[in-house]
PDB file of N, CA and C in Angstrom:
ATOM      1  N   MET A   1     -23.941   4.567  11.486  1.00  0.00           N
ATOM      2  CA  MET A   1     -23.433   4.934  10.165  1.00  0.00           C
ATOM      3  C   MET A   1     -21.958   5.341  10.287  1.00  0.00           C
ATOM      4  N   ALA A   2     -21.152   4.916   9.349  1.00  0.00           N
ATOM      5  CA  ALA A   2     -19.717   5.207   9.373  1.00  0.00           C
ATOM      6  C   ALA A   2     -19.461   6.673   9.052  1.00  0.00           C
ATOM      7  N   ALA A   3     -18.412   7.205   9.630  1.00  0.00           N
ATOM      8  CA  ALA A   3     -18.039   8.595   9.380  1.00  0.00           C
ATOM      9  C   ALA A   3     -17.537   8.754   7.952  1.00  0.00           C
ATOM     10  N   MET A   4     -17.882   9.847   7.332  1.00  0.00           N
ATOM     11  CA  MET A   4     -17.433  10.133   5.971  1.00  0.00           C
ATOM     12  C   MET A   4     -16.029  10.731   6.025  1.00  0.00           C
ATOM     13  N   ARG A   5     -15.198  10.328   5.059  1.00  0.00           N
ATOM     14  CA  ARG A   5     -13.834  10.844   4.946  1.00  0.00           C
ATOM     15  C   ARG A   5     -13.633  11.343   3.523  1.00  0.00           C
ATOM     16  N   VAL A   6     -12.646  12.181   3.343  1.00  0.00           N
ATOM     17  CA  VAL A   6     -12.297  12.658   2.011  1.00  0.00           C
ATOM     18  C   VAL A   6     -11.479  11.568   1.326  1.00  0.00           C
ATOM     19  N   CYS A   7     -11.727  11.347   0.038  1.00  0.00           N
ATOM     20  CA  CYS A   7     -10.952  10.379  -0.753  1.00  0.00           C
ATOM     21  C   CYS A   7      -9.467  10.724  -0.617  1.00  0.00           C
ATOM     22  N   PRO A   8      -8.601   9.721  -0.401  1.00  0.00           N
ATOM     23  CA  PRO A   8      -7.175  10.008  -0.202  1.00  0.00           C
ATOM     24  C   PRO A   8      -6.413  10.415  -1.468  1.00  0.00           C
ATOM     25  N   THR A   9      -7.054  10.372  -2.625  1.00  0.00           N
ATOM     26  CA  THR A   9      -6.383  10.783  -3.860  1.00  0.00           C
ATOM     27  C   THR A   9      -6.198  12.302  -3.843  1.00  0.00           C
ATOM     28  N   PRO A  10      -4.973  12.790  -4.010  1.00  0.00           N
ATOM     29  CA  PRO A  10      -4.737  14.241  -3.975  1.00  0.00           C
ATOM     30  C   PRO A  10      -5.642  14.981  -4.971  1.00  0.00           C
ATOM     31  N   GLY A  11      -6.319  16.010  -4.465  1.00  0.00           N
ATOM     32  CA  GLY A  11      -7.171  16.838  -5.306  1.00  0.00           C
ATOM     33  C   GLY A  11      -8.590  16.340  -5.481  1.00  0.00           C
ATOM     34  N   CYS A  12      -8.912  15.146  -5.009  1.00  0.00           N
ATOM     35  CA  CYS A  12     -10.264  14.604  -5.155  1.00  0.00           C
ATOM     36  C   CYS A  12     -11.109  15.037  -3.958  1.00  0.00           C
ATOM     37  N   PRO A  13     -12.226  15.725  -4.214  1.00  0.00           N
ATOM     38  CA  PRO A  13     -13.068  16.198  -3.115  1.00  0.00           C
ATOM     39  C   PRO A  13     -14.136  15.190  -2.673  1.00  0.00           C
ATOM     40  N   SER A  14     -14.208  14.036  -3.324  1.00  0.00           N
ATOM     41  CA  SER A  14     -15.256  13.063  -3.009  1.00  0.00           C
ATOM     42  C   SER A  14     -15.133  12.557  -1.578  1.00  0.00           C
ATOM     43  N   ARG A  15     -16.275  12.183  -1.025  1.00  0.00           N
ATOM     44  CA  ARG A  15     -16.297  11.634   0.329  1.00  0.00           C
ATOM     45  C   ARG A  15     -16.574  10.139   0.234  1.00  0.00           C
ATOM     46  N   VAL A  16     -15.915   9.372   1.116  1.00  0.00           N
ATOM     47  CA  VAL A  16     -16.065   7.917   1.138  1.00  0.00           C
ATOM     48  C   VAL A  16     -16.343   7.465   2.573  1.00  0.00           C
ATOM     49  N   THR A  17     -16.976   6.300   2.698  1.00  0.00           N
ATOM     50  CA  THR A  17     -17.240   5.749   4.030  1.00  0.00           C
ATOM     51  C   THR A  17     -16.203   4.710   4.414  1.00  0.00           C
ATOM     52  N   THR A  18     -15.376   4.313   3.476  1.00  0.00           N
ATOM     53  CA  THR A  18     -14.326   3.325   3.746  1.00  0.00           C
ATOM     54  C   THR A  18     -12.982   4.035   3.832  1.00  0.00           C
ATOM     55  N   SER A  19     -11.939   3.296   4.102  1.00  0.00           N
ATOM     56  CA  SER A  19     -10.606   3.902   4.167  1.00  0.00           C
ATOM     57  C   SER A  19      -9.958   3.989   2.787  1.00  0.00           C
ATOM     58  N   GLY A  20     -10.624   3.463   1.760  1.00  0.00           N
ATOM     59  CA  GLY A  20     -10.044   3.467   0.423  1.00  0.00           C
ATOM     60  C   GLY A  20     -10.487   4.643  -0.417  1.00  0.00           C
ATOM     61  N   GLN A  21     -10.165   4.574  -1.697  1.00  0.00           N
ATOM     62  CA  GLN A  21     -10.488   5.634  -2.645  1.00  0.00           C
ATOM     63  C   GLN A  21     -11.967   5.599  -3.018  1.00  0.00           C
ATOM     64  N   CYS A  22     -12.437   6.699  -3.602  1.00  0.00           N
ATOM     65  CA  CYS A  22     -13.800   6.731  -4.127  1.00  0.00           C
ATOM     66  C   CYS A  22     -13.836   5.852  -5.385  1.00  0.00           C
ATOM     67  N   ALA A  23     -15.021   5.504  -5.825  1.00  0.00           N
ATOM     68  CA  ALA A  23     -15.171   4.597  -6.970  1.00  0.00           C
ATOM     69  C   ALA A  23     -14.504   5.157  -8.228  1.00  0.00           C
ATOM     70  N   ARG A  24     -14.618   6.465  -8.460  1.00  0.00           N
ATOM     71  CA  ARG A  24     -14.041   7.066  -9.668  1.00  0.00           C
ATOM     72  C   ARG A  24     -12.510   6.989  -9.644  1.00  0.00           C
ATOM     73  N   CYS A  25     -11.909   7.313  -8.516  1.00  0.00           N
ATOM     74  CA  CYS A  25     -10.443   7.269  -8.407  1.00  0.00           C
ATOM     75  C   CYS A  25      -9.931   5.827  -8.453  1.00  0.00           C
ATOM     76  N   ARG A  26     -10.667   4.901  -7.835  1.00  0.00           N
ATOM     77  CA  ARG A  26     -10.275   3.486  -7.866  1.00  0.00           C
ATOM     78  C   ARG A  26     -10.309   2.953  -9.296  1.00  0.00           C
ATOM     79  N   ALA A  27     -11.363   3.308 -10.071  1.00  0.00           N
ATOM     80  CA  ALA A  27     -11.467   2.855 -11.463  1.00  0.00           C
ATOM     81  C   ALA A  27     -10.343   3.443 -12.310  1.00  0.00           C
ATOM     82  N   ALA A  28     -10.008   4.718 -12.084  1.00  0.00           N
ATOM     83  CA  ALA A  28      -8.914   5.351 -12.836  1.00  0.00           C
ATOM     84  C   ALA A  28      -7.576   4.680 -12.517  1.00  0.00           C
ATOM     85  N   ALA A  29      -7.358   4.330 -11.251  1.00  0.00           N
ATOM     86  CA  ALA A  29      -6.114   3.660 -10.859  1.00  0.00           C
ATOM     87  C   ALA A  29      -6.009   2.280 -11.502  1.00  0.00           C
ATOM     88  N   GLU A  30      -7.110   1.543 -11.532  1.00  0.00           N
ATOM     89  CA  GLU A  30      -7.109   0.214 -12.162  1.00  0.00           C
ATOM     90  C   GLU A  30      -6.842   0.315 -13.662  1.00  0.00           C
ATOM     91  N   GLN A  31      -7.399   1.345 -14.307  1.00  0.00           N
ATOM     92  CA  GLN A  31      -7.168   1.510 -15.742  1.00  0.00           C
ATOM     93  C   GLN A  31      -5.704   1.835 -16.016  1.00  0.00           C
ATOM     94  N   ARG A  32      -5.096   2.685 -15.186  1.00  0.00           N
ATOM     95  CA  ARG A  32      -3.665   2.989 -15.351  1.00  0.00           C
ATOM     96  C   ARG A  32      -2.809   1.752 -15.120  1.00  0.00           C
ATOM     97  N   ARG A  33      -3.221   0.926 -14.189  1.00  0.00           N
ATOM     98  CA  ARG A  33      -2.467  -0.280 -13.841  1.00  0.00           C
ATOM     99  C   ARG A  33      -2.446  -1.272 -15.002  1.00  0.00           C
ATOM    100  N   GLY A  34      -3.535  -1.363 -15.741  1.00  0.00           N
ATOM    101  CA  GLY A  34      -3.617  -2.276 -16.873  1.00  0.00           C
ATOM    102  C   GLY A  34      -4.117  -3.655 -16.467  1.00  0.00           C
ATOM    103  N   THR A  35      -4.447  -4.446 -17.453  1.00  0.00           N
ATOM    104  CA  THR A  35      -4.932  -5.801 -17.201  1.00  0.00           C
ATOM    105  C   THR A  35      -3.763  -6.700 -16.807  1.00  0.00           C
ATOM    106  N   PRO A  36      -4.040  -7.843 -16.184  1.00  0.00           N
ATOM    107  CA  PRO A  36      -2.940  -8.766 -15.878  1.00  0.00           C
ATOM    108  C   PRO A  36      -2.122  -9.124 -17.123  1.00  0.00           C
ATOM    109  N   HIS A  37      -2.795  -9.322 -18.249  1.00  0.00           N
ATOM    110  CA  HIS A  37      -2.088  -9.659 -19.486  1.00  0.00           C
ATOM    111  C   HIS A  37      -1.153  -8.520 -19.900  1.00  0.00           C
ATOM    112  N   GLN A  38      -1.626  -7.265 -19.784  1.00  0.00           N
ATOM    113  CA  GLN A  38      -0.785  -6.118 -20.136  1.00  0.00           C
ATOM    114  C   GLN A  38       0.407  -5.990 -19.189  1.00  0.00           C
ATOM    115  N   ARG A  39       0.277  -6.464 -17.954  1.00  0.00           N
ATOM    116  CA  ARG A  39       1.374  -6.399 -16.989  1.00  0.00           C
ATOM    117  C   ARG A  39       2.322  -7.584 -17.110  1.00  0.00           C
ATOM    118  N   GLY A  40       2.078  -8.502 -18.067  1.00  0.00           N
ATOM    119  CA  GLY A  40       2.993  -9.611 -18.303  1.00  0.00           C
ATOM    120  C   GLY A  40       2.565 -10.940 -17.730  1.00  0.00           C
ATOM    121  N   TYR A  41       1.331 -11.029 -17.238  1.00  0.00           N
ATOM    122  CA  TYR A  41       0.858 -12.275 -16.649  1.00  0.00           C
ATOM    123  C   TYR A  41      -0.052 -13.027 -17.615  1.00  0.00           C
ATOM    124  N   GLY A  42       0.434 -13.283 -18.816  1.00  0.00           N
ATOM    125  CA  GLY A  42      -0.341 -13.968 -19.838  1.00  0.00           C
ATOM    126  C   GLY A  42      -0.044 -15.462 -19.890  1.00  0.00           C
ATOM    127  N   THR A  43      -0.217 -16.025 -21.057  1.00  0.00           N
ATOM    128  CA  THR A  43      -0.065 -17.462 -21.275  1.00  0.00           C
ATOM    129  C   THR A  43       1.334 -17.962 -20.954  1.00  0.00           C
ATOM    130  N   VAL A  44       2.366 -17.246 -21.394  1.00  0.00           N
ATOM    131  CA  VAL A  44       3.746 -17.675 -21.129  1.00  0.00           C
ATOM    132  C   VAL A  44       3.986 -17.719 -19.628  1.00  0.00           C
ATOM    133  N   HIS A  45       3.513 -16.717 -18.926  1.00  0.00           N
ATOM    134  CA  HIS A  45       3.676 -16.676 -17.465  1.00  0.00           C
ATOM    135  C   HIS A  45       3.023 -17.894 -16.818  1.00  0.00           C
ATOM    136  N   ARG A  46       1.783 -18.185 -17.197  1.00  0.00           N
ATOM    137  CA  ARG A  46       1.057 -19.312 -16.595  1.00  0.00           C
ATOM    138  C   ARG A  46       1.724 -20.646 -16.907  1.00  0.00           C
ATOM    139  N   HIS A  47       2.111 -20.848 -18.161  1.00  0.00           N
ATOM    140  CA  HIS A  47       2.637 -22.159 -18.573  1.00  0.00           C
ATOM    141  C   HIS A  47       4.106 -22.358 -18.234  1.00  0.00           C
ATOM    142  N   ARG A  48       4.854 -21.284 -18.135  1.00  0.00           N
ATOM    143  CA  ARG A  48       6.282 -21.434 -17.879  1.00  0.00           C
ATOM    144  C   ARG A  48       6.648 -21.100 -16.439  1.00  0.00           C
ATOM    145  N   PHE A  49       6.382 -19.885 -16.020  1.00  0.00           N
ATOM    146  CA  PHE A  49       6.772 -19.458 -14.673  1.00  0.00           C
ATOM    147  C   PHE A  49       5.940 -20.152 -13.602  1.00  0.00           C
ATOM    148  N   ARG A  50       4.637 -19.969 -13.646  1.00  0.00           N
ATOM    149  CA  ARG A  50       3.774 -20.499 -12.589  1.00  0.00           C
ATOM    150  C   ARG A  50       3.870 -22.015 -12.489  1.00  0.00           C
ATOM    151  N   ALA A  51       3.777 -22.683 -13.616  1.00  0.00           N
ATOM    152  CA  ALA A  51       3.839 -24.153 -13.608  1.00  0.00           C
ATOM    153  C   ALA A  51       5.190 -24.637 -13.080  1.00  0.00           C
ATOM    154  N   GLY A  52       6.270 -23.991 -13.492  1.00  0.00           N
ATOM    155  CA  GLY A  52       7.605 -24.391 -13.040  1.00  0.00           C
ATOM    156  C   GLY A  52       7.812 -24.179 -11.551  1.00  0.00           C
ATOM    157  N   VAL A  53       7.365 -23.043 -11.039  1.00  0.00           N
ATOM    158  CA  VAL A  53       7.527 -22.742  -9.617  1.00  0.00           C
ATOM    159  C   VAL A  53       6.707 -23.706  -8.766  1.00  0.00           C
ATOM    160  N   LEU A  54       5.445 -23.910  -9.132  1.00  0.00           N
ATOM    161  CA  LEU A  54       4.585 -24.784  -8.324  1.00  0.00           C
ATOM    162  C   LEU A  54       5.015 -26.243  -8.396  1.00  0.00           C
ATOM    163  N   ALA A  55       5.605 -26.668  -9.517  1.00  0.00           N
ATOM    164  CA  ALA A  55       6.123 -28.040  -9.609  1.00  0.00           C
ATOM    165  C   ALA A  55       7.363 -28.205  -8.718  1.00  0.00           C
ATOM    166  N   ARG A  56       8.196 -27.189  -8.678  1.00  0.00           N
ATOM    167  CA  ARG A  56       9.410 -27.234  -7.867  1.00  0.00           C
ATOM    168  C   ARG A  56       9.111 -27.084  -6.374  1.00  0.00           C
ATOM    169  N   ASP A  57       8.139 -26.236  -6.035  1.00  0.00           N
ATOM    170  CA  ASP A  57       7.792 -25.950  -4.633  1.00  0.00           C
ATOM    171  C   ASP A  57       6.337 -26.350  -4.362  1.00  0.00           C
ATOM    172  N   PRO A  58       6.042 -27.632  -4.217  1.00  0.00           N
ATOM    173  CA  PRO A  58       4.644 -28.034  -3.999  1.00  0.00           C
ATOM    174  C   PRO A  58       4.098 -27.621  -2.632  1.00  0.00           C
ATOM    175  N   THR A  59       5.006 -27.338  -1.678  1.00  0.00           N
ATOM    176  CA  THR A  59       4.605 -26.883  -0.343  1.00  0.00           C
ATOM    177  C   THR A  59       5.115 -25.464  -0.154  1.00  0.00           C
ATOM    178  N   CYS A  60       4.322 -24.618   0.486  1.00  0.00           N
ATOM    179  CA  CYS A  60       4.671 -23.217   0.733  1.00  0.00           C
ATOM    180  C   CYS A  60       6.059 -23.126   1.369  1.00  0.00           C
ATOM    181  N   VAL A  61       6.937 -22.318   0.786  1.00  0.00           N
ATOM    182  CA  VAL A  61       8.302 -22.202   1.297  1.00  0.00           C
ATOM    183  C   VAL A  61       8.381 -21.354   2.566  1.00  0.00           C
ATOM    184  N   LEU A  62       7.328 -20.634   2.917  1.00  0.00           N
ATOM    185  CA  LEU A  62       7.348 -19.828   4.137  1.00  0.00           C
ATOM    186  C   LEU A  62       6.794 -20.591   5.341  1.00  0.00           C
ATOM    187  N   CYS A  63       5.552 -21.060   5.248  1.00  0.00           N
ATOM    188  CA  CYS A  63       4.966 -21.748   6.405  1.00  0.00           C
ATOM    189  C   CYS A  63       5.296 -23.238   6.419  1.00  0.00           C
ATOM    190  N   LYS A  64       5.684 -23.774   5.289  1.00  0.00           N
ATOM    191  CA  LYS A  64       6.064 -25.184   5.141  1.00  0.00           C
ATOM    192  C   LYS A  64       4.958 -26.157   5.560  1.00  0.00           C
ATOM    193  N   ALA A  65       3.702 -25.697   5.556  1.00  0.00           N
ATOM    194  CA  ALA A  65       2.592 -26.546   5.976  1.00  0.00           C
ATOM    195  C   ALA A  65       1.511 -26.677   4.906  1.00  0.00           C
ATOM    196  N   ALA A  66       1.217 -25.604   4.208  1.00  0.00           N
ATOM    197  CA  ALA A  66       0.118 -25.598   3.240  1.00  0.00           C
ATOM    198  C   ALA A  66       0.652 -25.841   1.825  1.00  0.00           C
ATOM    199  N   PRO A  67      -0.191 -26.363   0.944  1.00  0.00           N
ATOM    200  CA  PRO A  67       0.244 -26.527  -0.448  1.00  0.00           C
ATOM    201  C   PRO A  67       0.447 -25.165  -1.121  1.00  0.00           C
ATOM    202  N   SER A  68       1.412 -25.078  -2.001  1.00  0.00           N
ATOM    203  CA  SER A  68       1.646 -23.847  -2.762  1.00  0.00           C
ATOM    204  C   SER A  68       0.564 -23.686  -3.809  1.00  0.00           C
ATOM    205  N   THR A  69      -0.015 -22.506  -3.868  1.00  0.00           N
ATOM    206  CA  THR A  69      -1.021 -22.202  -4.882  1.00  0.00           C
ATOM    207  C   THR A  69      -0.677 -20.929  -5.645  1.00  0.00           C
ATOM    208  N   VAL A  70       0.336 -20.188  -5.173  1.00  0.00           N
ATOM    209  CA  VAL A  70       0.729 -18.924  -5.793  1.00  0.00           C
ATOM    210  C   VAL A  70       2.214 -18.976  -6.131  1.00  0.00           C
ATOM    211  N   ALA A  71       2.544 -18.609  -7.368  1.00  0.00           N
ATOM    212  CA  ALA A  71       3.942 -18.490  -7.781  1.00  0.00           C
ATOM    213  C   ALA A  71       4.335 -17.030  -7.601  1.00  0.00           C
ATOM    214  N   ASP A  72       5.180 -16.758  -6.630  1.00  0.00           N
ATOM    215  CA  ASP A  72       5.567 -15.403  -6.246  1.00  0.00           C
ATOM    216  C   ASP A  72       6.955 -15.082  -6.789  1.00  0.00           C
ATOM    217  N   HIS A  73       7.107 -13.930  -7.454  1.00  0.00           N
ATOM    218  CA  HIS A  73       8.437 -13.513  -7.893  1.00  0.00           C
ATOM    219  C   HIS A  73       9.250 -13.157  -6.659  1.00  0.00           C
ATOM    220  N   TRP A  74      10.455 -13.734  -6.562  1.00  0.00           N
ATOM    221  CA  TRP A  74      11.288 -13.537  -5.378  1.00  0.00           C
ATOM    222  C   TRP A  74      12.739 -13.812  -5.707  1.00  0.00           C
ATOM    223  N   PRO A  75      13.706 -13.081  -5.290  1.00  0.00           N
ATOM    224  CA  PRO A  75      13.649 -11.958  -4.363  1.00  0.00           C
ATOM    225  C   PRO A  75      13.323 -10.634  -5.041  1.00  0.00           C
ATOM    226  N   LEU A  76      13.331 -10.584  -6.360  1.00  0.00           N
ATOM    227  CA  LEU A  76      12.977  -9.369  -7.088  1.00  0.00           C
ATOM    228  C   LEU A  76      11.554  -9.478  -7.609  1.00  0.00           C
ATOM    229  N   SER A  77      10.881  -8.361  -7.737  1.00  0.00           N
ATOM    230  CA  SER A  77       9.531  -8.353  -8.299  1.00  0.00           C
ATOM    231  C   SER A  77       9.618  -8.519  -9.814  1.00  0.00           C
ATOM    232  N   ARG A  78       8.507  -8.827 -10.433  1.00  0.00           N
ATOM    233  CA  ARG A  78       8.464  -8.949 -11.887  1.00  0.00           C
ATOM    234  C   ARG A  78       8.943  -7.645 -12.526  1.00  0.00           C
ATOM    235  N   ARG A  79       8.489  -6.520 -11.994  1.00  0.00           N
ATOM    236  CA  ARG A  79       8.863  -5.210 -12.522  1.00  0.00           C
ATOM    237  C   ARG A  79      10.383  -5.004 -12.440  1.00  0.00           C
ATOM    238  N   GLU A  80      10.991  -5.389 -11.319  1.00  0.00           N
ATOM    239  CA  GLU A  80      12.444  -5.234 -11.161  1.00  0.00           C
ATOM    240  C   GLU A  80      13.207  -6.153 -12.101  1.00  0.00           C
ATOM    241  N   LEU A  81      12.721  -7.371 -12.305  1.00  0.00           N
ATOM    242  CA  LEU A  81      13.381  -8.299 -13.229  1.00  0.00           C
ATOM    243  C   LEU A  81      13.381  -7.751 -14.646  1.00  0.00           C
ATOM    244  N   VAL A  82      12.234  -7.251 -15.084  1.00  0.00           N
ATOM    245  CA  VAL A  82      12.120  -6.691 -16.432  1.00  0.00           C
ATOM    246  C   VAL A  82      13.037  -5.484 -16.574  1.00  0.00           C
ATOM    247  N   ALA A  83      13.078  -4.615 -15.561  1.00  0.00           N
ATOM    248  CA  ALA A  83      13.927  -3.417 -15.610  1.00  0.00           C
ATOM    249  C   ALA A  83      15.409  -3.776 -15.718  1.00  0.00           C
ATOM    250  N   GLN A  84      15.801  -4.916 -15.154  1.00  0.00           N
ATOM    251  CA  GLN A  84      17.198  -5.347 -15.219  1.00  0.00           C
ATOM    252  C   GLN A  84      17.493  -6.179 -16.461  1.00  0.00           C
ATOM    253  N   GLY A  85      16.491  -6.360 -17.331  1.00  0.00           N
ATOM    254  CA  GLY A  85      16.686  -7.117 -18.555  1.00  0.00           C
ATOM    255  C   GLY A  85      16.702  -8.623 -18.343  1.00  0.00           C
ATOM    256  N   LEU A  86      16.196  -9.081 -17.202  1.00  0.00           N
ATOM    257  CA  LEU A  86      16.157 -10.515 -16.901  1.00  0.00           C
ATOM    258  C   LEU A  86      14.828 -11.113 -17.343  1.00  0.00           C
ATOM    259  N   ASP A  87      14.798 -12.413 -17.520  1.00  0.00           N
ATOM    260  CA  ASP A  87      13.587 -13.118 -17.953  1.00  0.00           C
ATOM    261  C   ASP A  87      12.666 -13.332 -16.751  1.00  0.00           C
ATOM    262  N   ALA A  88      11.637 -12.526 -16.648  1.00  0.00           N
ATOM    263  CA  ALA A  88      10.714 -12.598 -15.507  1.00  0.00           C
ATOM    264  C   ALA A  88       9.882 -13.871 -15.512  1.00  0.00           C
ATOM    265  N   ASP A  89       9.875 -14.623 -16.612  1.00  0.00           N
ATOM    266  CA  ASP A  89       9.126 -15.874 -16.676  1.00  0.00           C
ATOM    267  C   ASP A  89       9.995 -17.101 -16.399  1.00  0.00           C
ATOM    268  N   ASP A  90      11.247 -16.890 -15.996  1.00  0.00           N
ATOM    269  CA  ASP A  90      12.138 -17.989 -15.627  1.00  0.00           C
ATOM    270  C   ASP A  90      11.829 -18.371 -14.181  1.00  0.00           C
ATOM    271  N   ASP A  91      11.519 -19.635 -13.953  1.00  0.00           N
ATOM    272  CA  ASP A  91      11.086 -20.051 -12.612  1.00  0.00           C
ATOM    273  C   ASP A  91      12.169 -19.948 -11.535  1.00  0.00           C
ATOM    274  N   GLN A  92      13.418 -19.703 -11.922  1.00  0.00           N
ATOM    275  CA  GLN A  92      14.461 -19.517 -10.905  1.00  0.00           C
ATOM    276  C   GLN A  92      14.235 -18.241 -10.104  1.00  0.00           C
ATOM    277  N   TYR A  93      13.426 -17.315 -10.628  1.00  0.00           N
ATOM    278  CA  TYR A  93      13.138 -16.057  -9.939  1.00  0.00           C
ATOM    279  C   TYR A  93      11.825 -16.112  -9.164  1.00  0.00           C
ATOM    280  N   GLY A  94      11.406 -17.300  -8.775  1.00  0.00           N
ATOM    281  CA  GLY A  94      10.143 -17.418  -8.058  1.00  0.00           C
ATOM    282  C   GLY A  94      10.210 -18.386  -6.903  1.00  0.00           C
ATOM    283  N   ARG A  95       9.137 -18.366  -6.124  1.00  0.00           N
ATOM    284  CA  ARG A  95       8.988 -19.305  -5.011  1.00  0.00           C
ATOM    285  C   ARG A  95       7.505 -19.619  -4.885  1.00  0.00           C
ATOM    286  N   GLY A  96       7.210 -20.831  -4.435  1.00  0.00           N
ATOM    287  CA  GLY A  96       5.831 -21.257  -4.251  1.00  0.00           C
ATOM    288  C   GLY A  96       5.330 -20.891  -2.872  1.00  0.00           C
ATOM    289  N   LEU A  97       4.175 -20.238  -2.810  1.00  0.00           N
ATOM    290  CA  LEU A  97       3.578 -19.842  -1.542  1.00  0.00           C
ATOM    291  C   LEU A  97       2.110 -20.265  -1.494  1.00  0.00           C
ATOM    292  N   CYS A  98       1.598 -20.437  -0.275  1.00  0.00           N
ATOM    293  CA  CYS A  98       0.152 -20.602  -0.123  1.00  0.00           C
ATOM    294  C   CYS A  98      -0.451 -19.195  -0.215  1.00  0.00           C
ATOM    295  N   LYS A  99      -1.736 -19.101  -0.470  1.00  0.00           N
ATOM    296  CA  LYS A  99      -2.377 -17.798  -0.623  1.00  0.00           C
ATOM    297  C   LYS A  99      -2.232 -16.950   0.638  1.00  0.00           C
ATOM    298  N   ARG A 100      -2.372 -17.559   1.794  1.00  0.00           N
ATOM    299  CA  ARG A 100      -2.286 -16.809   3.060  1.00  0.00           C
ATOM    300  C   ARG A 100      -0.910 -16.150   3.208  1.00  0.00           C
ATOM    301  N   CYS A 101       0.155 -16.915   2.980  1.00  0.00           N
ATOM    302  CA  CYS A 101       1.506 -16.344   3.106  1.00  0.00           C
ATOM    303  C   CYS A 101       1.756 -15.281   2.036  1.00  0.00           C
ATOM    304  N   HIS A 102       1.284 -15.521   0.817  1.00  0.00           N
ATOM    305  CA  HIS A 102       1.465 -14.544  -0.258  1.00  0.00           C
ATOM    306  C   HIS A 102       0.768 -13.232   0.083  1.00  0.00           C
ATOM    307  N   ASP A 103      -0.476 -13.304   0.538  1.00  0.00           N
ATOM    308  CA  ASP A 103      -1.214 -12.094   0.869  1.00  0.00           C
ATOM    309  C   ASP A 103      -0.560 -11.344   2.029  1.00  0.00           C
ATOM    310  N   ARG A 104      -0.104 -12.073   3.021  1.00  0.00           N
ATOM    311  CA  ARG A 104       0.550 -11.452   4.171  1.00  0.00           C
ATOM    312  C   ARG A 104       1.846 -10.757   3.729  1.00  0.00           C
ATOM    313  N   HIS A 105       2.637 -11.430   2.910  1.00  0.00           N
ATOM    314  CA  HIS A 105       3.896 -10.845   2.425  1.00  0.00           C
ATOM    315  C   HIS A 105       3.616  -9.599   1.586  1.00  0.00           C
ATOM    316  N   THR A 106       2.660  -9.672   0.689  1.00  0.00           N
ATOM    317  CA  THR A 106       2.343  -8.541  -0.179  1.00  0.00           C
ATOM    318  C   THR A 106       1.872  -7.340   0.641  1.00  0.00           C
ATOM    319  N   ALA A 107       1.014  -7.580   1.622  1.00  0.00           N
ATOM    320  CA  ALA A 107       0.490  -6.484   2.440  1.00  0.00           C
ATOM    321  C   ALA A 107       1.574  -5.836   3.285  1.00  0.00           C
ATOM    322  N   ALA A 108       2.523  -6.618   3.766  1.00  0.00           N
ATOM    323  CA  ALA A 108       3.506  -6.102   4.717  1.00  0.00           C
ATOM    324  C   ALA A 108       4.785  -5.574   4.079  1.00  0.00           C
ATOM    325  N   ALA A 109       5.250  -6.215   3.031  1.00  0.00           N
ATOM    326  CA  ALA A 109       6.616  -5.955   2.595  1.00  0.00           C
ATOM    327  C   ALA A 109       6.775  -5.331   1.219  1.00  0.00           C
ATOM    328  N   GLN A 110       5.797  -5.447   0.372  1.00  0.00           N
ATOM    329  CA  GLN A 110       6.007  -5.042  -1.004  1.00  0.00           C
ATOM    330  C   GLN A 110       5.508  -3.631  -1.281  1.00  0.00           C
ATOM    331  N   PRO A 111       6.332  -2.758  -1.872  1.00  0.00           N
ATOM    332  CA  PRO A 111       5.856  -1.441  -2.249  1.00  0.00           C
ATOM    333  C   PRO A 111       4.685  -1.581  -3.221  1.00  0.00           C
ATOM    334  N   GLY A 112       3.631  -0.865  -2.988  1.00  0.00           N
ATOM    335  CA  GLY A 112       2.450  -0.993  -3.831  1.00  0.00           C
ATOM    336  C   GLY A 112       1.600  -2.172  -3.443  1.00  0.00           C
ATOM    337  N   GLY A 113       1.858  -2.770  -2.276  1.00  0.00           N
ATOM    338  CA  GLY A 113       1.086  -3.911  -1.805  1.00  0.00           C
ATOM    339  C   GLY A 113      -0.321  -3.511  -1.425  1.00  0.00           C
ATOM    340  N   TRP A 114      -1.043  -4.439  -0.851  1.00  0.00           N
ATOM    341  CA  TRP A 114      -2.466  -4.206  -0.554  1.00  0.00           C
ATOM    342  C   TRP A 114      -2.688  -2.987   0.332  1.00  0.00           C
ATOM    343  N   ASN A 115      -1.795  -2.737   1.287  1.00  0.00           N
ATOM    344  CA  ASN A 115      -1.999  -1.604   2.186  1.00  0.00           C
ATOM    345  C   ASN A 115      -1.826  -0.263   1.496  1.00  0.00           C
ATOM    346  N   ALA A 116      -1.180  -0.234   0.346  1.00  0.00           N
ATOM    347  CA  ALA A 116      -0.950   1.022  -0.359  1.00  0.00           C
ATOM    348  C   ALA A 116      -2.075   1.348  -1.334  1.00  0.00           C
ATOM    349  N   ARG A 117      -3.046   0.459  -1.457  1.00  0.00           N
ATOM    350  CA  ARG A 117      -4.129   0.692  -2.424  1.00  0.00           C
ATOM    351  C   ARG A 117      -5.271   1.406  -1.785  1.00  0.00           C
TER     352      ARG A 117
END
């Protein structure tokens, strides 16, 4: 049986068997984060940004071996583009990546990436 740990959310006394948050804190974090549509990943994003990036970069720009399946905002994040008043759905602010490269980049380099959850 795995050792029990205290939930990493400050002030939460719940115990968890994984390295992540307890179910209650995880659900609260997801609700604060909002749905993909609320974060700007709606129809315009899919039809304009994603389609444009994947058409321009059919092969992953990092590994140059796998087909691109993810349109990644680069070099600025969607949040940074919006904060600067730029059009986050313009495909010039993106690059095509395979899922493996996208996940690796997000986990390693991006604030709020997978390792921070």
